[in-house]
Amino acid sequence: MKINSEVIARTSLRLLDDVGLDGLSMRLVAQELGVRAPTLYWHVKNKQQLLDAMATLIYVEAAERLTPPQGAPWEDWLADWARHLRQAMLGHRDGARVLAGTYVNHPAVYHGVELTLRTLKDAGFTLGEAARGFPALLHFTIGYTIEEQAHTSAAYGGDNPYTPERIAAGIDPERFPLTAEASGDLLSLDEDTGFEHGLRVVVLGLRAVREERERRAARG
């Protein structure tokens, strides 16, 4: 097999499902590929570049599913974009941690950004509003998925503290009655419901920013 950065990244993603981000090392990847670790450094200089290459594959998987809105409401289209990205990250153990803070540079990425900016501009947003609003959606999606994967982390083994029973047992309902009653919603034990609620908050917030600017403009 010819070794290149994409082969290394794909191999690393397969290993990630077994060992998690903390267990992933250049030495382990080299062993899986049947080469010595120095061979990898011809293609990725360090672990950060390895993470960048892995993150690129995850992001591209989501971005390549994007198509123009074709008459769909911008809110629905933008929400679907976030859902695609979340599912791409959930496809790999610690996938959201891999994507967070990495440098992703690929034509599919810029295609996704361009399509998002165009969709929002066509919906009446200024370019500045669109350019600041998209990262808000992106950061919510990555951050939520980091927490979601942490709650179900294999690192806990059979002693996961995020089970409903253990969470309920750890909150004193007499001292913290509202916290005890709302614990399931606060900690998003129903991950899909929690994500959809947060997604709605972000999208409605973007709409409110546009509408507030339009009201100010109308008042002169």
Protein backbone atom coordinates (compact mmCIF):
# COMPACT_ATOMS: atom_id res chain seq x y z
CA MET A 1 0.00 0.00 0.00
CA LYS A 2 1.30 3.44 -0.93
CA ILE A 3 1.53 5.65 2.16
CA ASN A 4 0.20 9.19 1.97
CA SER A 5 -1.53 11.60 4.36
CA GLU A 6 -5.04 10.40 3.45
CA VAL A 7 -4.15 6.73 3.98
CA ILE A 8 -2.61 7.64 7.31
CA ALA A 9 -5.68 9.66 8.33
CA ARG A 10 -8.15 6.92 7.35
CA THR A 11 -6.11 4.32 9.23
CA SER A 12 -6.05 6.62 12.25
CA LEU A 13 -9.83 7.01 12.17
CA ARG A 14 -10.23 3.22 12.18
CA LEU A 15 -7.90 2.96 15.16
CA LEU A 16 -9.72 5.79 16.89
CA ASP A 17 -12.82 3.64 17.23
CA ASP A 18 -10.80 1.08 19.20
CA VAL A 19 -8.44 3.16 21.33
CA GLY A 20 -10.02 6.63 21.51
CA LEU A 21 -8.22 9.92 21.01
CA ASP A 22 -6.11 9.59 24.15
CA GLY A 23 -4.86 6.17 23.07
CA LEU A 24 -4.00 7.17 19.51
CA SER A 25 -0.29 7.63 18.76
CA MET A 26 1.92 7.93 15.72
CA ARG A 27 3.64 4.72 16.77
CA LEU A 28 0.34 2.85 16.88
CA VAL A 29 -0.66 4.15 13.44
CA ALA A 30 2.70 3.15 11.99
CA GLN A 31 2.34 -0.33 13.48
CA GLU A 32 -1.11 -0.68 11.91
CA LEU A 33 0.31 0.32 8.52
CA GLY A 34 3.28 -2.01 8.88
CA VAL A 35 5.89 0.74 8.72
CA ARG A 36 8.23 2.44 11.15
CA ALA A 37 7.03 5.63 12.83
CA PRO A 38 9.61 7.89 11.06
CA THR A 39 7.98 6.94 7.74
CA LEU A 40 4.82 8.76 8.80
CA TYR A 41 6.71 12.00 9.40
CA TRP A 42 7.37 12.31 5.68
CA HIS A 43 3.63 12.89 5.30
CA VAL A 44 2.44 14.33 8.64
CA LYS A 45 4.98 16.25 10.71
CA ASN A 46 3.42 15.64 14.11
CA LYS A 47 0.26 14.48 15.85
CA GLN A 48 -1.43 17.85 15.35
CA GLN A 49 -1.08 17.51 11.59
CA LEU A 50 -2.41 13.98 11.91
CA LEU A 51 -5.47 15.31 13.74
CA ASP A 52 -5.89 17.98 11.05
CA ALA A 53 -5.93 15.29 8.37
CA MET A 54 -8.41 13.18 10.34
CA ALA A 55 -10.65 16.19 10.97
CA THR A 56 -10.59 17.00 7.27
CA LEU A 57 -12.01 13.58 6.43
CA ILE A 58 -14.80 13.99 8.99
CA TYR A 59 -15.68 17.50 7.85
CA VAL A 60 -15.57 16.62 4.18
CA GLU A 61 -17.93 13.69 4.81
CA ALA A 62 -20.51 16.18 6.07
CA ALA A 63 -19.79 18.96 3.56
CA GLU A 64 -20.07 16.68 0.55
CA ARG A 65 -23.68 15.91 1.49
CA LEU A 66 -24.64 19.57 1.05
CA THR A 67 -26.74 20.57 -1.92
CA PRO A 68 -28.25 23.98 -2.76
CA PRO A 69 -31.48 24.73 -0.85
CA GLN A 70 -33.64 24.48 -4.01
CA GLY A 71 -36.50 26.40 -2.44
CA ALA A 72 -36.24 24.91 1.06
CA PRO A 73 -36.49 27.44 3.93
CA TRP A 74 -33.04 28.62 4.98
CA GLU A 75 -33.76 27.54 8.57
CA ASP A 76 -34.37 23.94 7.52
CA TRP A 77 -31.36 23.88 5.22
CA LEU A 78 -29.03 25.27 7.90
CA ALA A 79 -30.35 22.84 10.50
CA ASP A 80 -29.73 19.93 8.14
CA TRP A 81 -26.14 21.11 7.67
CA ALA A 82 -25.63 20.93 11.44
CA ARG A 83 -27.25 17.49 11.56
CA HIS A 84 -24.94 16.20 8.81
CA LEU A 85 -21.90 17.44 10.72
CA ARG A 86 -23.06 15.93 14.00
CA GLN A 87 -23.66 12.54 12.38
CA ALA A 88 -20.24 12.62 10.72
CA MET A 89 -18.61 13.25 14.10
CA LEU A 90 -20.71 10.60 15.84
CA GLY A 91 -19.50 8.13 13.24
CA HIS A 92 -16.17 7.96 15.06
CA ARG A 93 -15.31 7.59 18.72
CA ASP A 94 -14.17 11.04 19.95
CA GLY A 95 -14.95 12.40 16.49
CA ALA A 96 -15.99 15.79 17.84
CA ARG A 97 -12.80 16.13 19.88
CA VAL A 98 -10.82 15.39 16.73
CA LEU A 99 -12.59 18.16 14.83
CA ALA A 100 -12.44 20.79 17.58
CA GLY A 101 -9.61 23.27 17.13
CA THR A 102 -8.08 21.61 14.10
CA TYR A 103 -7.06 23.25 10.83
CA VAL A 104 -9.22 21.96 8.02
CA ASN A 105 -8.23 23.07 4.52
CA HIS A 106 -10.00 21.32 1.66
CA PRO A 107 -12.08 22.50 -1.35
CA ALA A 108 -15.16 20.73 0.03
CA VAL A 109 -14.85 22.84 3.18
CA TYR A 110 -14.83 26.09 1.24
CA HIS A 111 -17.67 24.81 -0.93
CA GLY A 112 -19.73 24.28 2.24
CA VAL A 113 -18.86 27.72 3.58
CA GLU A 114 -19.62 29.40 0.25
CA LEU A 115 -22.96 27.63 -0.05
CA THR A 116 -23.87 28.58 3.51
CA LEU A 117 -22.98 32.24 3.01
CA ARG A 118 -24.93 32.34 -0.26
CA THR A 119 -27.96 30.70 1.32
CA LEU A 120 -28.01 33.19 4.19
CA LYS A 121 -27.44 36.18 1.91
CA ASP A 122 -30.31 35.07 -0.30
CA ALA A 123 -32.43 34.89 2.88
CA GLY A 124 -31.78 38.57 3.62
CA PHE A 125 -28.73 38.41 5.89
CA THR A 126 -25.81 40.73 5.33
CA LEU A 127 -22.54 39.03 4.49
CA GLY A 128 -21.21 40.02 7.93
CA GLU A 129 -24.22 38.50 9.69
CA ALA A 130 -23.84 35.32 7.68
CA ALA A 131 -20.08 35.12 8.28
CA ARG A 132 -20.50 35.53 12.04
CA GLY A 133 -23.62 33.40 12.30
CA PHE A 134 -22.24 30.29 10.61
CA PRO A 135 -19.41 29.82 13.16
CA ALA A 136 -21.98 30.14 15.96
CA LEU A 137 -23.86 27.17 14.49
CA LEU A 138 -20.63 25.28 13.84
CA HIS A 139 -19.29 25.80 17.36
CA PHE A 140 -22.59 24.79 18.96
CA THR A 141 -22.68 21.59 16.91
CA ILE A 142 -19.09 20.60 17.70
CA GLY A 143 -19.37 21.56 21.37
CA TYR A 144 -22.63 19.71 21.86
CA THR A 145 -21.26 16.60 20.22
CA ILE A 146 -18.11 16.69 22.37
CA GLU A 147 -20.34 16.61 25.45
CA GLU A 148 -22.59 13.97 23.93
CA GLN A 149 -19.68 11.64 23.22
CA ALA A 150 -18.19 12.30 26.64
CA HIS A 151 -21.45 11.20 28.28
CA THR A 152 -21.24 7.83 26.53
CA SER A 153 -17.46 7.49 26.58
CA ALA A 154 -16.07 3.96 26.53
CA ALA A 155 -13.42 5.23 28.95
CA TYR A 156 -15.97 4.90 31.77
CA GLY A 157 -16.44 1.21 31.08
CA GLY A 158 -19.31 -0.10 33.20
CA ASP A 159 -19.08 2.80 35.65
CA ASN A 160 -20.57 5.63 33.61
CA PRO A 161 -21.67 8.46 35.95
CA TYR A 162 -24.06 9.85 33.35
CA THR A 163 -26.73 7.18 33.78
CA PRO A 164 -30.07 8.73 34.82
CA GLU A 165 -30.07 6.77 38.06
CA ARG A 166 -26.62 7.97 39.14
CA ILE A 167 -27.34 11.56 38.21
CA ALA A 168 -30.60 11.55 40.14
CA ALA A 169 -28.90 9.97 43.16
CA GLY A 170 -26.24 12.71 43.20
CA ILE A 171 -28.66 15.65 43.48
CA ASP A 172 -30.29 16.52 46.81
CA PRO A 173 -33.90 17.32 45.82
CA GLU A 174 -34.51 19.22 49.08
CA ARG A 175 -31.62 21.62 48.54
CA PHE A 176 -31.86 21.77 44.75
CA PRO A 177 -35.48 20.92 43.84
CA LEU A 178 -35.48 22.57 40.40
CA THR A 179 -32.14 21.05 39.47
CA ALA A 180 -33.34 17.61 40.51
CA GLU A 181 -36.57 17.97 38.53
CA ALA A 182 -34.81 19.27 35.41
CA SER A 183 -31.69 17.09 35.53
CA GLY A 184 -32.64 15.09 32.46
CA ASP A 185 -33.01 18.22 30.37
CA LEU A 186 -29.99 20.00 31.87
CA LEU A 187 -27.67 17.14 31.01
CA SER A 188 -29.35 16.25 27.70
CA LEU A 189 -29.85 12.60 28.58
CA ASP A 190 -32.01 12.41 25.47
CA GLU A 191 -29.20 13.54 23.17
CA ASP A 192 -31.27 13.95 20.00
CA THR A 193 -33.91 16.04 21.76
CA GLY A 194 -31.25 18.16 23.43
CA PHE A 195 -29.45 18.77 20.16
CA GLU A 196 -32.61 19.72 18.31
CA HIS A 197 -33.60 22.18 21.04
CA GLY A 198 -30.18 23.85 21.02
CA LEU A 199 -30.18 23.91 17.24
CA ARG A 200 -33.54 25.68 17.27
CA VAL A 201 -32.22 28.26 19.74
CA VAL A 202 -29.25 29.02 17.47
CA VAL A 203 -31.31 29.25 14.27
CA LEU A 204 -33.99 31.42 15.90
CA GLY A 205 -31.21 33.60 17.30
CA LEU A 206 -29.80 34.12 13.82
CA ARG A 207 -33.25 35.07 12.56
CA ALA A 208 -33.66 37.53 15.44
CA VAL A 209 -30.38 39.24 14.55
CA ARG A 210 -31.57 39.81 10.99
CA GLU A 211 -35.01 40.97 12.04
CA GLU A 212 -33.61 43.41 14.60
CA ARG A 213 -31.37 44.98 11.95
CA GLU A 214 -34.33 45.23 9.56
CA ARG A 215 -36.47 46.93 12.26
CA ARG A 216 -33.73 49.46 12.97
CA ALA A 217 -33.40 50.18 9.24
CA ALA A 218 -37.17 50.64 8.90
CA ARG A 219 -37.21 53.20 11.76
CA GLY A 220 -34.53 55.17 9.92
